[in-house]
Amino acid sequence: VVNHTSTEHEWFKESRSSRDNPKRDWYIWKPARYDEDGIRHP
């Protein structure tokens, strides 16, 4: 199973620890979108 891991995997823990972590790019991170009312969307 290598399309994804658990959020408990050490790779993901490092990836989500900061935006400049070396493993940040091992997962797929994207910024939010905001509508005209400032509401956040995926």
All heavy atoms as atom14 arrays in JSON, in Angstrom:
{
  "sequence": "VVNHTSTEHEWFKESRSSRDNPKRDWYIWKPARYDEDGIRHP",
  "atom14_mask": [
    [1, 1, 1, 1, 1, 1, 1, 0, 0, 0, 0, 0, 0, 0],
    [1, 1, 1, 1, 1, 1, 1, 0, 0, 0, 0, 0, 0, 0],
    [1, 1, 1, 1, 1, 1, 1, 1, 0, 0, 0, 0, 0, 0],
    [1, 1, 1, 1, 1, 1, 1, 1, 1, 1, 0, 0, 0, 0],
    [1, 1, 1, 1, 1, 1, 1, 0, 0, 0, 0, 0, 0, 0],
    [1, 1, 1, 1, 1, 1, 0, 0, 0, 0, 0, 0, 0, 0],
    [1, 1, 1, 1, 1, 1, 1, 0, 0, 0, 0, 0, 0, 0],
    [1, 1, 1, 1, 1, 1, 1, 1, 1, 0, 0, 0, 0, 0],
    [1, 1, 1, 1, 1, 1, 1, 1, 1, 1, 0, 0, 0, 0],
    [1, 1, 1, 1, 1, 1, 1, 1, 1, 0, 0, 0, 0, 0],
    [1, 1, 1, 1, 1, 1, 1, 1, 1, 1, 1, 1, 1, 1],
    [1, 1, 1, 1, 1, 1, 1, 1, 1, 1, 1, 0, 0, 0],
    [1, 1, 1, 1, 1, 1, 1, 1, 1, 0, 0, 0, 0, 0],
    [1, 1, 1, 1, 1, 1, 1, 1, 1, 0, 0, 0, 0, 0],
    [1, 1, 1, 1, 1, 1, 0, 0, 0, 0, 0, 0, 0, 0],
    [1, 1, 1, 1, 1, 1, 1, 1, 1, 1, 1, 0, 0, 0],
    [1, 1, 1, 1, 1, 1, 0, 0, 0, 0, 0, 0, 0, 0],
    [1, 1, 1, 1, 1, 1, 0, 0, 0, 0, 0, 0, 0, 0],
    [1, 1, 1, 1, 1, 1, 1, 1, 1, 1, 1, 0, 0, 0],
    [1, 1, 1, 1, 1, 1, 1, 1, 0, 0, 0, 0, 0, 0],
    [1, 1, 1, 1, 1, 1, 1, 1, 0, 0, 0, 0, 0, 0],
    [1, 1, 1, 1, 1, 1, 1, 0, 0, 0, 0, 0, 0, 0],
    [1, 1, 1, 1, 1, 1, 1, 1, 1, 0, 0, 0, 0, 0],
    [1, 1, 1, 1, 1, 1, 1, 1, 1, 1, 1, 0, 0, 0],
    [1, 1, 1, 1, 1, 1, 1, 1, 0, 0, 0, 0, 0, 0],
    [1, 1, 1, 1, 1, 1, 1, 1, 1, 1, 1, 1, 1, 1],
    [1, 1, 1, 1, 1, 1, 1, 1, 1, 1, 1, 1, 0, 0],
    [1, 1, 1, 1, 1, 1, 1, 1, 0, 0, 0, 0, 0, 0],
    [1, 1, 1, 1, 1, 1, 1, 1, 1, 1, 1, 1, 1, 1],
    [1, 1, 1, 1, 1, 1, 1, 1, 1, 0, 0, 0, 0, 0],
    [1, 1, 1, 1, 1, 1, 1, 0, 0, 0, 0, 0, 0, 0],
    [1, 1, 1, 1, 1, 0, 0, 0, 0, 0, 0, 0, 0, 0],
    [1, 1, 1, 1, 1, 1, 1, 1, 1, 1, 1, 0, 0, 0],
    [1, 1, 1, 1, 1, 1, 1, 1, 1, 1, 1, 1, 0, 0],
    [1, 1, 1, 1, 1, 1, 1, 1, 0, 0, 0, 0, 0, 0],
    [1, 1, 1, 1, 1, 1, 1, 1, 1, 0, 0, 0, 0, 0],
    [1, 1, 1, 1, 1, 1, 1, 1, 0, 0, 0, 0, 0, 0],
    [1, 1, 1, 1, 0, 0, 0, 0, 0, 0, 0, 0, 0, 0],
    [1, 1, 1, 1, 1, 1, 1, 1, 0, 0, 0, 0, 0, 0],
    [1, 1, 1, 1, 1, 1, 1, 1, 1, 1, 1, 0, 0, 0],
    [1, 1, 1, 1, 1, 1, 1, 1, 1, 1, 0, 0, 0, 0],
    [1, 1, 1, 1, 1, 1, 1, 0, 0, 0, 0, 0, 0, 0]
  ],
  "atom14_positions": [
    [[0.87, -1.18, 0.0], [0.0, 0.0, 0.0], [0.9, 1.23, 0.0], [1.37, 1.67, 1.05], [-0.93, 0.02, 1.23], [-1.93, 1.17, 1.12], [-1.64, -1.31, 1.38], [0.0, 0.0, 0.0], [0.0, 0.0, 0.0], [0.0, 0.0, 0.0], [0.0, 0.0, 0.0], [0.0, 0.0, 0.0], [0.0, 0.0, 0.0], [0.0, 0.0, 0.0]],
    [[1.15, 1.8, -1.19], [2.1, 2.9, -1.28], [1.55, 4.09, -2.08], [2.32, 4.96, -2.48], [3.45, 2.43, -1.88], [4.19, 1.56, -0.87], [3.26, 1.71, -3.2], [0.0, 0.0, 0.0], [0.0, 0.0, 0.0], [0.0, 0.0, 0.0], [0.0, 0.0, 0.0], [0.0, 0.0, 0.0], [0.0, 0.0, 0.0], [0.0, 0.0, 0.0]],
    [[0.23, 4.13, -2.29], [-0.36, 5.38, -2.78], [-0.48, 6.36, -1.63], [-0.43, 7.58, -1.83], [-1.75, 5.12, -3.37], [-2.46, 6.4, -3.76], [-2.1, 7.05, -4.73], [-3.46, 6.79, -2.98], [0.0, 0.0, 0.0], [0.0, 0.0, 0.0], [0.0, 0.0, 0.0], [0.0, 0.0, 0.0], [0.0, 0.0, 0.0], [0.0, 0.0, 0.0]],
    [[-0.62, 5.82, -0.43], [-0.83, 6.64, 0.74], [-0.26, 5.93, 1.96], [0.04, 4.74, 1.92], [-2.31, 6.93, 0.95], [-3.17, 5.71, 0.83], [-3.78, 5.33, -0.36], [-3.51, 4.73, 1.71], [-4.46, 4.21, -0.18], [-4.31, 3.82, 1.07], [0.0, 0.0, 0.0], [0.0, 0.0, 0.0], [0.0, 0.0, 0.0], [0.0, 0.0, 0.0]],
    [[-0.11, 6.65, 3.05], [0.28, 6.08, 4.34], [-0.8, 6.45, 5.36], [-1.82, 7.04, 5.03], [1.63, 6.63, 4.83], [1.48, 8.01, 5.18], [2.72, 6.48, 3.77], [0.0, 0.0, 0.0], [0.0, 0.0, 0.0], [0.0, 0.0, 0.0], [0.0, 0.0, 0.0], [0.0, 0.0, 0.0], [0.0, 0.0, 0.0], [0.0, 0.0, 0.0]],
    [[-0.53, 6.1, 6.6], [-1.33, 6.62, 7.72], [-0.8, 8.0, 8.12], [0.37, 8.32, 7.89], [-1.23, 5.66, 8.9], [-1.69, 6.28, 10.09], [0.0, 0.0, 0.0], [0.0, 0.0, 0.0], [0.0, 0.0, 0.0], [0.0, 0.0, 0.0], [0.0, 0.0, 0.0], [0.0, 0.0, 0.0], [0.0, 0.0, 0.0], [0.0, 0.0, 0.0]],
    [[-1.66, 8.79, 8.73], [-1.19, 10.04, 9.31], [-0.23, 9.78, 10.46], [0.51, 10.69, 10.87], [-2.37, 10.89, 9.84], [-3.18, 10.07, 10.69], [-3.22, 11.43, 8.7], [0.0, 0.0, 0.0], [0.0, 0.0, 0.0], [0.0, 0.0, 0.0], [0.0, 0.0, 0.0], [0.0, 0.0, 0.0], [0.0, 0.0, 0.0], [0.0, 0.0, 0.0]],
    [[-0.21, 8.54, 10.97], [0.7, 8.19, 12.06], [2.08, 7.74, 11.57], [2.96, 7.48, 12.39], [0.07, 7.07, 12.91], [-1.23, 7.45, 13.59], [-1.07, 8.66, 14.49], [-0.12, 8.66, 15.31], [-1.85, 9.63, 14.34], [0.0, 0.0, 0.0], [0.0, 0.0, 0.0], [0.0, 0.0, 0.0], [0.0, 0.0, 0.0], [0.0, 0.0, 0.0]],
    [[2.27, 7.66, 10.28], [3.58, 7.28, 9.76], [4.58, 8.41, 10.02], [4.25, 9.59, 9.94], [3.5, 7.0, 8.25], [4.67, 6.24, 7.71], [5.91, 6.8, 7.57], [4.79, 4.95, 7.29], [6.75, 5.9, 7.08], [6.08, 4.76, 6.91], [0.0, 0.0, 0.0], [0.0, 0.0, 0.0], [0.0, 0.0, 0.0], [0.0, 0.0, 0.0]],
    [[5.82, 8.04, 10.34], [6.84, 9.03, 10.64], [7.07, 9.99, 9.47], [7.37, 11.16, 9.67], [8.15, 8.36, 11.04], [8.11, 7.7, 12.4], [7.77, 8.68, 13.52], [8.28, 9.82, 13.49], [6.97, 8.31, 14.41], [0.0, 0.0, 0.0], [0.0, 0.0, 0.0], [0.0, 0.0, 0.0], [0.0, 0.0, 0.0], [0.0, 0.0, 0.0]],
    [[6.93, 9.49, 8.25], [7.1, 10.37, 7.09], [6.09, 11.51, 7.13], [6.42, 12.67, 6.88], [6.93, 9.6, 5.78], [7.96, 8.54, 5.52], [9.13, 8.33, 6.18], [7.88, 7.53, 4.51], [9.8, 7.26, 5.65], [9.06, 6.75, 4.62], [6.96, 7.21, 3.52], [9.31, 5.66, 3.78], [7.2, 6.14, 2.67], [8.38, 5.38, 2.81]],
    [[4.83, 11.18, 7.42], [3.81, 12.22, 7.43], [3.97, 13.13, 8.65], [3.73, 14.34, 8.57], [2.41, 11.62, 7.4], [1.34, 12.67, 7.23], [1.16, 13.29, 6.0], [0.53, 13.05, 8.3], [0.19, 14.27, 5.83], [-0.44, 14.03, 8.14], [-0.62, 14.65, 6.91], [0.0, 0.0, 0.0], [0.0, 0.0, 0.0], [0.0, 0.0, 0.0]],
    [[4.35, 12.56, 9.77], [4.57, 13.41, 10.95], [5.62, 14.47, 10.66], [5.47, 15.64, 11.06], [4.98, 12.55, 12.14], [3.87, 11.69, 12.71], [4.37, 10.87, 13.89], [3.27, 10.01, 14.49], [3.76, 9.2, 15.63], [0.0, 0.0, 0.0], [0.0, 0.0, 0.0], [0.0, 0.0, 0.0], [0.0, 0.0, 0.0], [0.0, 0.0, 0.0]],
    [[6.69, 14.08, 9.96], [7.69, 15.06, 9.58], [7.12, 16.04, 8.56], [7.34, 17.25, 8.65], [8.91, 14.36, 8.97], [9.79, 13.63, 9.97], [11.1, 13.18, 9.34], [11.77, 14.03, 8.72], [11.44, 11.99, 9.46], [0.0, 0.0, 0.0], [0.0, 0.0, 0.0], [0.0, 0.0, 0.0], [0.0, 0.0, 0.0], [0.0, 0.0, 0.0]],
    [[6.39, 15.53, 7.59], [5.87, 16.36, 6.52], [4.95, 17.46, 7.05], [4.99, 18.6, 6.56], [5.11, 15.5, 5.51], [4.66, 16.25, 4.42], [0.0, 0.0, 0.0], [0.0, 0.0, 0.0], [0.0, 0.0, 0.0], [0.0, 0.0, 0.0], [0.0, 0.0, 0.0], [0.0, 0.0, 0.0], [0.0, 0.0, 0.0], [0.0, 0.0, 0.0]],
    [[4.15, 17.15, 8.06], [3.2, 18.13, 8.57], [3.8, 18.99, 9.69], [3.13, 19.9, 10.19], [1.93, 17.43, 9.04], [2.0, 16.81, 10.42], [0.78, 16.0, 10.78], [-0.47, 16.71, 10.55], [-1.69, 16.17, 10.76], [-1.79, 14.91, 11.21], [-2.77, 16.86, 10.54], [0.0, 0.0, 0.0], [0.0, 0.0, 0.0], [0.0, 0.0, 0.0]],
    [[5.05, 18.71, 10.06], [5.65, 19.44, 11.18], [5.96, 20.9, 10.82], [5.9, 21.78, 11.68], [6.93, 18.75, 11.66], [7.93, 18.78, 10.64], [0.0, 0.0, 0.0], [0.0, 0.0, 0.0], [0.0, 0.0, 0.0], [0.0, 0.0, 0.0], [0.0, 0.0, 0.0], [0.0, 0.0, 0.0], [0.0, 0.0, 0.0], [0.0, 0.0, 0.0]],
    [[6.27, 21.16, 9.55], [6.52, 22.54, 9.12], [6.56, 22.57, 7.6], [6.84, 21.56, 6.95], [7.83, 23.09, 9.69], [8.94, 22.45, 9.09], [0.0, 0.0, 0.0], [0.0, 0.0, 0.0], [0.0, 0.0, 0.0], [0.0, 0.0, 0.0], [0.0, 0.0, 0.0], [0.0, 0.0, 0.0], [0.0, 0.0, 0.0], [0.0, 0.0, 0.0]],
    [[6.37, 23.75, 7.05], [6.37, 23.88, 5.6], [7.76, 23.69, 4.99], [7.87, 23.41, 3.8], [5.81, 25.24, 5.18], [4.33, 25.4, 5.41], [3.82, 26.55, 4.57], [2.44, 26.91, 4.9], [1.72, 27.79, 4.23], [2.26, 28.4, 3.18], [0.49, 28.07, 4.58], [0.0, 0.0, 0.0], [0.0, 0.0, 0.0], [0.0, 0.0, 0.0]],
    [[8.8, 23.9, 5.79], [10.16, 23.76, 5.24], [10.84, 22.45, 5.65], [12.03, 22.28, 5.46], [11.03, 24.96, 5.64], [11.12, 25.14, 7.17], [10.54, 24.32, 7.91], [11.76, 26.11, 7.6], [0.0, 0.0, 0.0], [0.0, 0.0, 0.0], [0.0, 0.0, 0.0], [0.0, 0.0, 0.0], [0.0, 0.0, 0.0], [0.0, 0.0, 0.0]],
    [[10.07, 21.52, 6.19], [10.65, 20.22, 6.52], [11.07, 19.51, 5.24], [10.38, 19.59, 4.21], [9.63, 19.37, 7.27], [10.22, 18.05, 7.77], [10.3, 17.08, 7.0], [10.64, 18.02, 9.01], [0.0, 0.0, 0.0], [0.0, 0.0, 0.0], [0.0, 0.0, 0.0], [0.0, 0.0, 0.0], [0.0, 0.0, 0.0], [0.0, 0.0, 0.0]],
    [[12.2, 18.78, 5.25], [12.66, 18.08, 4.03], [11.63, 17.1, 3.45], [11.66, 16.83, 2.25], [13.92, 17.34, 4.5], [14.42, 18.16, 5.65], [13.19, 18.69, 6.33], [0.0, 0.0, 0.0], [0.0, 0.0, 0.0], [0.0, 0.0, 0.0], [0.0, 0.0, 0.0], [0.0, 0.0, 0.0], [0.0, 0.0, 0.0], [0.0, 0.0, 0.0]],
    [[10.74, 16.59, 4.29], [9.73, 15.65, 3.8], [8.39, 16.31, 3.51], [7.4, 15.63, 3.24], [9.55, 14.49, 4.79], [10.71, 13.5, 4.81], [10.37, 12.27, 5.62], [11.47, 11.22, 5.55], [12.75, 11.67, 6.1], [0.0, 0.0, 0.0], [0.0, 0.0, 0.0], [0.0, 0.0, 0.0], [0.0, 0.0, 0.0], [0.0, 0.0, 0.0]],
    [[8.35, 17.63, 3.55], [7.09, 18.32, 3.26], [6.56, 17.89, 1.9], [5.36, 17.62, 1.73], [7.3, 19.83, 3.28], [6.04, 20.66, 3.01], [5.04, 20.51, 4.13], [3.92, 21.46, 4.0], [2.95, 21.59, 4.9], [2.93, 20.81, 5.98], [1.99, 22.47, 4.73], [0.0, 0.0, 0.0], [0.0, 0.0, 0.0], [0.0, 0.0, 0.0]],
    [[7.45, 17.8, 0.92], [7.04, 17.5, -0.45], [6.84, 16.0, -0.69], [6.59, 15.58, -1.81], [8.08, 18.05, -1.44], [7.57, 18.07, -2.86], [6.4, 18.44, -3.05], [8.32, 17.7, -3.78], [0.0, 0.0, 0.0], [0.0, 0.0, 0.0], [0.0, 0.0, 0.0], [0.0, 0.0, 0.0], [0.0, 0.0, 0.0], [0.0, 0.0, 0.0]],
    [[6.95, 15.19, 0.36], [6.67, 13.75, 0.21], [5.16, 13.49, 0.18], [4.74, 12.38, -0.15], [7.32, 12.96, 1.33], [8.82, 12.79, 1.17], [9.68, 13.66, 0.57], [9.6, 11.69, 1.6], [10.96, 13.17, 0.61], [10.94, 11.95, 1.25], [9.31, 10.51, 2.27], [11.99, 11.07, 1.52], [10.35, 9.62, 2.56], [11.67, 9.9, 2.18]],
    [[4.39, 14.5, 0.54], [2.93, 14.42, 0.47], [2.45, 15.61, -0.35], [3.25, 16.44, -0.78], [2.31, 14.4, 1.88], [2.68, 13.15, 2.65], [3.9, 13.04, 3.32], [1.83, 12.04, 2.7], [4.26, 11.88, 3.99], [2.17, 10.89, 3.38], [3.39, 10.8, 4.02], [3.73, 9.66, 4.68], [0.0, 0.0, 0.0], [0.0, 0.0, 0.0]],
    [[1.16, 15.69, -0.59], [0.63, 16.7, -1.5], [-0.11, 17.76, -0.69], [-1.21, 17.52, -0.17], [-0.29, 16.05, -2.54], [0.51, 15.03, -3.36], [-0.92, 17.12, -3.45], [-0.33, 14.15, -4.26], [0.0, 0.0, 0.0], [0.0, 0.0, 0.0], [0.0, 0.0, 0.0], [0.0, 0.0, 0.0], [0.0, 0.0, 0.0], [0.0, 0.0, 0.0]],
    [[0.52, 18.92, -0.56], [0.0, 20.03, 0.22], [-0.39, 21.18, -0.71], [0.34, 21.5, -1.65], [1.04, 20.52, 1.21], [1.42, 19.52, 2.27], [2.4, 18.59, 2.22], [0.79, 19.37, 3.53], [2.44, 17.86, 3.38], [1.45, 18.32, 4.22], [-0.27, 20.02, 4.18], [1.11, 17.9, 5.49], [-0.63, 19.61, 5.46], [0.06, 18.56, 6.1]],
    [[-1.51, 21.82, -0.45], [-1.97, 22.93, -1.26], [-2.62, 24.0, -0.38], [-3.2, 23.69, 0.68], [-3.0, 22.46, -2.31], [-2.45, 21.48, -3.33], [-1.4, 22.12, -4.24], [-0.77, 21.11, -5.17], [0.33, 21.71, -5.97], [0.0, 0.0, 0.0], [0.0, 0.0, 0.0], [0.0, 0.0, 0.0], [0.0, 0.0, 0.0], [0.0, 0.0, 0.0]],
    [[-2.55, 25.26, -0.83], [-3.2, 26.34, -0.05], [-4.7, 26.31, -0.2], [-5.25, 25.72, -1.14], [-2.6, 27.6, -0.67], [-2.25, 27.21, -2.07], [-1.81, 25.77, -1.99], [0.0, 0.0, 0.0], [0.0, 0.0, 0.0], [0.0, 0.0, 0.0], [0.0, 0.0, 0.0], [0.0, 0.0, 0.0], [0.0, 0.0, 0.0], [0.0, 0.0, 0.0]],
    [[-5.36, 26.97, 0.7], [-6.82, 27.08, 0.65], [-7.25, 28.04, -0.45], [-6.47, 28.85, -0.94], [-7.35, 27.57, 1.99], [0.0, 0.0, 0.0], [0.0, 0.0, 0.0], [0.0, 0.0, 0.0], [0.0, 0.0, 0.0], [0.0, 0.0, 0.0], [0.0, 0.0, 0.0], [0.0, 0.0, 0.0], [0.0, 0.0, 0.0], [0.0, 0.0, 0.0]],
    [[-8.5, 27.92, -0.84], [-9.15, 28.91, -1.68], [-10.14, 29.68, -0.79], [-10.75, 29.09, 0.11], [-9.89, 28.26, -2.85], [-8.99, 27.53, -3.82], [-9.77, 27.06, -5.04], [-10.81, 26.08, -4.71], [-11.59, 25.5, -5.62], [-11.47, 25.81, -6.9], [-12.5, 24.61, -5.25], [0.0, 0.0, 0.0], [0.0, 0.0, 0.0], [0.0, 0.0, 0.0]],
    [[-10.32, 30.97, -1.09], [-11.25, 31.78, -0.3], [-12.27, 32.43, -1.24], [-11.91, 32.91, -2.33], [-10.51, 32.85, 0.5], [-9.65, 32.25, 1.59], [-8.34, 31.88, 1.34], [-10.16, 32.05, 2.87], [-7.55, 31.32, 2.34], [-9.38, 31.49, 3.88], [-8.08, 31.13, 3.61], [-7.3, 30.57, 4.6], [0.0, 0.0, 0.0], [0.0, 0.0, 0.0]],
    [[-13.53, 32.42, -0.83], [-14.55, 33.05, -1.66], [-14.63, 34.55, -1.35], [-13.86, 35.08, -0.54], [-15.9, 32.35, -1.5], [-16.44, 32.41, -0.08], [-16.05, 33.32, 0.68], [-17.27, 31.54, 0.27], [0.0, 0.0, 0.0], [0.0, 0.0, 0.0], [0.0, 0.0, 0.0], [0.0, 0.0, 0.0], [0.0, 0.0, 0.0], [0.0, 0.0, 0.0]],
    [[-15.57, 35.23, -1.99], [-15.65, 36.68, -1.83], [-16.02, 37.09, -0.41], [-15.8, 38.24, 0.0], [-16.69, 37.26, -2.81], [-18.09, 36.72, -2.67], [-18.32, 35.44, -3.47], [-17.33, 34.81, -3.9], [-19.51, 35.06, -3.64], [0.0, 0.0, 0.0], [0.0, 0.0, 0.0], [0.0, 0.0, 0.0], [0.0, 0.0, 0.0], [0.0, 0.0, 0.0]],
    [[-16.56, 36.13, 0.39], [-16.88, 36.42, 1.79], [-15.75, 36.03, 2.73], [-15.91, 36.1, 3.96], [-18.16, 35.69, 2.18], [-19.36, 36.15, 1.38], [-19.46, 37.37, 1.12], [-20.19, 35.3, 1.0], [0.0, 0.0, 0.0], [0.0, 0.0, 0.0], [0.0, 0.0, 0.0], [0.0, 0.0, 0.0], [0.0, 0.0, 0.0], [0.0, 0.0, 0.0]],
    [[-14.63, 35.59, 2.15], [-13.48, 35.23, 2.97], [-13.59, 33.86, 3.6], [-12.82, 33.52, 4.5], [0.0, 0.0, 0.0], [0.0, 0.0, 0.0], [0.0, 0.0, 0.0], [0.0, 0.0, 0.0], [0.0, 0.0, 0.0], [0.0, 0.0, 0.0], [0.0, 0.0, 0.0], [0.0, 0.0, 0.0], [0.0, 0.0, 0.0], [0.0, 0.0, 0.0]],
    [[-14.56, 33.04, 3.14], [-14.74, 31.7, 3.69], [-13.76, 30.74, 3.01], [-13.61, 30.75, 1.79], [-16.19, 31.22, 3.49], [-17.14, 32.13, 4.27], [-16.34, 29.76, 3.95], [-18.6, 31.83, 4.03], [0.0, 0.0, 0.0], [0.0, 0.0, 0.0], [0.0, 0.0, 0.0], [0.0, 0.0, 0.0], [0.0, 0.0, 0.0], [0.0, 0.0, 0.0]],
    [[-13.09, 29.95, 3.82], [-12.06, 29.03, 3.32], [-12.7, 27.81, 2.65], [-13.67, 27.24, 3.16], [-11.16, 28.57, 4.47], [-9.96, 27.75, 4.04], [-9.18, 27.22, 5.23], [-9.88, 26.12, 5.88], [-10.16, 26.06, 7.17], [-9.81, 27.06, 7.97], [-10.81, 25.03, 7.68], [0.0, 0.0, 0.0], [0.0, 0.0, 0.0], [0.0, 0.0, 0.0]],
    [[-12.11, 27.37, 1.53], [-12.57, 26.18, 0.82], [-11.36, 25.33, 0.42], [-10.24, 25.84, 0.28], [-13.35, 26.56, -0.44], [-14.62, 27.3, -0.17], [-15.79, 26.67, 0.2], [-14.89, 28.64, -0.19], [-16.73, 27.57, 0.4], [-16.22, 28.78, 0.17], [0.0, 0.0, 0.0], [0.0, 0.0, 0.0], [0.0, 0.0, 0.0], [0.0, 0.0, 0.0]],
    [[-11.58, 24.03, 0.21], [-10.47, 23.16, -0.23], [-9.93, 23.59, -1.59], [-10.6, 24.31, -2.34], [-11.12, 21.77, -0.29], [-12.32, 21.85, 0.58], [-12.81, 23.26, 0.46], [0.0, 0.0, 0.0], [0.0, 0.0, 0.0], [0.0, 0.0, 0.0], [0.0, 0.0, 0.0], [0.0, 0.0, 0.0], [0.0, 0.0, 0.0], [0.0, 0.0, 0.0]]
  ]
}
